[in-house]
Amino acid sequence: MFDRIRSAALFGIHQATIALGISLFPVAVFARNRLGVNVPVGRLVETTGEVYERTDE
């Protein structure tokens, strides 16, 4: 039962990071073009995706 709760929570966190990445896309483009700074949201999404995939195993 706790595995299902953990899996659901990790899935929710992963989906939230995807939504965050989509909503921050204009900010990331501005930061890269104007300021020369990379926003590492993609790495955050990949990490949460890997953690979620490991819970299914």
N, C-alpha and C. Protein backbone atom coordinates (compact mmCIF):
# COMPACT_ATOMS: atom_id res chain seq x y z
N MET A 1 0.82 -1.19 0.00
CA MET A 1 0.00 0.00 0.00
C MET A 1 0.86 1.25 0.00
N PHE A 2 1.92 1.23 0.80
CA PHE A 2 2.79 2.40 0.86
C PHE A 2 3.57 2.57 -0.44
N ASP A 3 3.80 1.47 -1.15
CA ASP A 3 4.46 1.56 -2.44
C ASP A 3 3.60 2.32 -3.44
N ARG A 4 2.30 2.08 -3.40
CA ARG A 4 1.39 2.81 -4.28
C ARG A 4 1.35 4.29 -3.96
N ILE A 5 1.35 4.61 -2.68
CA ILE A 5 1.35 6.01 -2.27
C ILE A 5 2.64 6.69 -2.70
N ARG A 6 3.75 6.01 -2.50
CA ARG A 6 5.05 6.57 -2.89
C ARG A 6 5.12 6.75 -4.39
N SER A 7 4.65 5.76 -5.13
CA SER A 7 4.67 5.84 -6.59
C SER A 7 3.78 6.99 -7.07
N ALA A 8 2.62 7.14 -6.48
CA ALA A 8 1.71 8.22 -6.86
C ALA A 8 2.30 9.59 -6.53
N ALA A 9 2.95 9.69 -5.38
CA ALA A 9 3.57 10.95 -4.98
C ALA A 9 4.72 11.31 -5.93
N LEU A 10 5.54 10.33 -6.28
CA LEU A 10 6.64 10.59 -7.21
C LEU A 10 6.13 10.95 -8.60
N PHE A 11 5.05 10.31 -9.02
CA PHE A 11 4.46 10.64 -10.30
C PHE A 11 3.95 12.09 -10.28
N GLY A 12 3.32 12.49 -9.18
CA GLY A 12 2.83 13.86 -9.05
C GLY A 12 3.97 14.87 -9.07
N ILE A 13 5.06 14.54 -8.39
CA ILE A 13 6.22 15.43 -8.39
C ILE A 13 6.81 15.54 -9.79
N HIS A 14 6.89 14.41 -10.48
CA HIS A 14 7.42 14.43 -11.85
C HIS A 14 6.54 15.28 -12.76
N GLN A 15 5.23 15.13 -12.66
CA GLN A 15 4.32 15.92 -13.48
C GLN A 15 4.41 17.40 -13.14
N ALA A 16 4.60 17.71 -11.85
CA ALA A 16 4.74 19.11 -11.44
C ALA A 16 6.01 19.72 -12.01
N THR A 17 7.10 18.96 -12.05
CA THR A 17 8.34 19.50 -12.63
C THR A 17 8.19 19.70 -14.14
N ILE A 18 7.43 18.83 -14.81
CA ILE A 18 7.18 19.04 -16.24
C ILE A 18 6.38 20.32 -16.44
N ALA A 19 5.35 20.53 -15.63
CA ALA A 19 4.56 21.75 -15.74
C ALA A 19 5.40 22.98 -15.43
N LEU A 20 6.28 22.86 -14.45
CA LEU A 20 7.18 23.97 -14.11
C LEU A 20 8.11 24.27 -15.27
N GLY A 21 8.65 23.23 -15.89
CA GLY A 21 9.53 23.42 -17.04
C GLY A 21 8.83 24.10 -18.20
N ILE A 22 7.59 23.71 -18.46
CA ILE A 22 6.83 24.32 -19.54
C ILE A 22 6.53 25.78 -19.23
N SER A 23 6.16 26.05 -18.00
CA SER A 23 5.81 27.43 -17.64
C SER A 23 7.04 28.34 -17.56
N LEU A 24 8.21 27.78 -17.26
CA LEU A 24 9.43 28.58 -17.19
C LEU A 24 10.17 28.67 -18.52
N PHE A 25 9.64 28.06 -19.56
CA PHE A 25 10.33 28.08 -20.84
C PHE A 25 10.62 29.50 -21.35
N PRO A 26 9.65 30.42 -21.32
CA PRO A 26 9.97 31.79 -21.78
C PRO A 26 11.07 32.45 -20.93
N VAL A 27 11.05 32.18 -19.64
CA VAL A 27 12.09 32.74 -18.76
C VAL A 27 13.45 32.15 -19.12
N ALA A 28 13.48 30.85 -19.39
CA ALA A 28 14.74 30.19 -19.76
C ALA A 28 15.29 30.73 -21.07
N VAL A 29 14.41 30.96 -22.04
CA VAL A 29 14.86 31.52 -23.32
C VAL A 29 15.40 32.92 -23.12
N PHE A 30 14.71 33.74 -22.35
CA PHE A 30 15.17 35.10 -22.06
C PHE A 30 16.52 35.07 -21.34
N ALA A 31 16.64 34.19 -20.34
CA ALA A 31 17.88 34.12 -19.57
C ALA A 31 19.05 33.70 -20.45
N ARG A 32 18.80 32.78 -21.36
CA ARG A 32 19.88 32.32 -22.23
C ARG A 32 20.26 33.38 -23.26
N ASN A 33 19.27 34.01 -23.87
CA ASN A 33 19.56 35.00 -24.92
C ASN A 33 20.10 36.31 -24.39
N ARG A 34 19.53 36.82 -23.32
CA ARG A 34 19.91 38.14 -22.83
C ARG A 34 21.00 38.11 -21.77
N LEU A 35 20.96 37.09 -20.91
CA LEU A 35 21.89 37.06 -19.78
C LEU A 35 23.00 36.03 -19.93
N GLY A 36 22.82 35.09 -20.85
CA GLY A 36 23.82 34.04 -21.03
C GLY A 36 23.83 33.00 -19.93
N VAL A 37 22.68 32.82 -19.27
CA VAL A 37 22.56 31.88 -18.15
C VAL A 37 21.64 30.74 -18.55
N ASN A 38 22.05 29.52 -18.29
CA ASN A 38 21.19 28.37 -18.55
C ASN A 38 20.39 28.02 -17.30
N VAL A 39 19.10 27.78 -17.48
CA VAL A 39 18.23 27.36 -16.39
C VAL A 39 18.13 25.83 -16.45
N PRO A 40 18.59 25.11 -15.42
CA PRO A 40 18.69 23.64 -15.49
C PRO A 40 17.39 22.90 -15.17
N VAL A 41 16.29 23.32 -15.74
CA VAL A 41 15.01 22.66 -15.48
C VAL A 41 14.97 21.28 -16.14
N GLY A 42 15.58 21.14 -17.30
CA GLY A 42 15.60 19.86 -18.00
C GLY A 42 16.25 18.77 -17.18
N ARG A 43 17.32 19.12 -16.50
CA ARG A 43 18.00 18.15 -15.63
C ARG A 43 17.10 17.72 -14.48
N LEU A 44 16.34 18.67 -13.94
CA LEU A 44 15.41 18.36 -12.85
C LEU A 44 14.32 17.41 -13.32
N VAL A 45 13.78 17.65 -14.51
CA VAL A 45 12.73 16.78 -15.06
C VAL A 45 13.29 15.38 -15.32
N GLU A 46 14.50 15.30 -15.88
CA GLU A 46 15.12 13.99 -16.13
C GLU A 46 15.34 13.22 -14.83
N THR A 47 15.81 13.90 -13.80
CA THR A 47 16.09 13.24 -12.53
C THR A 47 14.81 12.71 -11.90
N THR A 48 13.76 13.52 -11.88
CA THR A 48 12.51 13.03 -11.30
C THR A 48 11.92 11.89 -12.12
N GLY A 49 12.09 11.93 -13.43
CA GLY A 49 11.62 10.84 -14.29
C GLY A 49 12.36 9.54 -14.00
N GLU A 50 13.67 9.63 -13.80
CA GLU A 50 14.46 8.44 -13.49
C GLU A 50 14.06 7.86 -12.13
N VAL A 51 13.83 8.72 -11.15
CA VAL A 51 13.42 8.24 -9.83
C VAL A 51 12.06 7.56 -9.91
N TYR A 52 11.13 8.14 -10.67
CA TYR A 52 9.81 7.53 -10.82
C TYR A 52 9.91 6.18 -11.52
N GLU A 53 10.73 6.09 -12.55
CA GLU A 53 10.88 4.82 -13.27
C GLU A 53 11.49 3.74 -12.38
N ARG A 54 12.38 4.10 -11.47
CA ARG A 54 12.97 3.13 -10.57
C ARG A 54 11.97 2.59 -9.57
N THR A 55 10.91 3.34 -9.27
CA THR A 55 9.93 2.85 -8.30
C THR A 55 9.06 1.76 -8.89
N ASP A 56 8.91 1.74 -10.21
CA ASP A 56 8.09 0.70 -10.87
C ASP A 56 8.78 -0.65 -10.88
N GLU A 57 10.07 -0.68 -10.74
CA GLU A 57 10.83 -1.93 -10.83
C GLU A 57 10.68 -2.76 -9.60
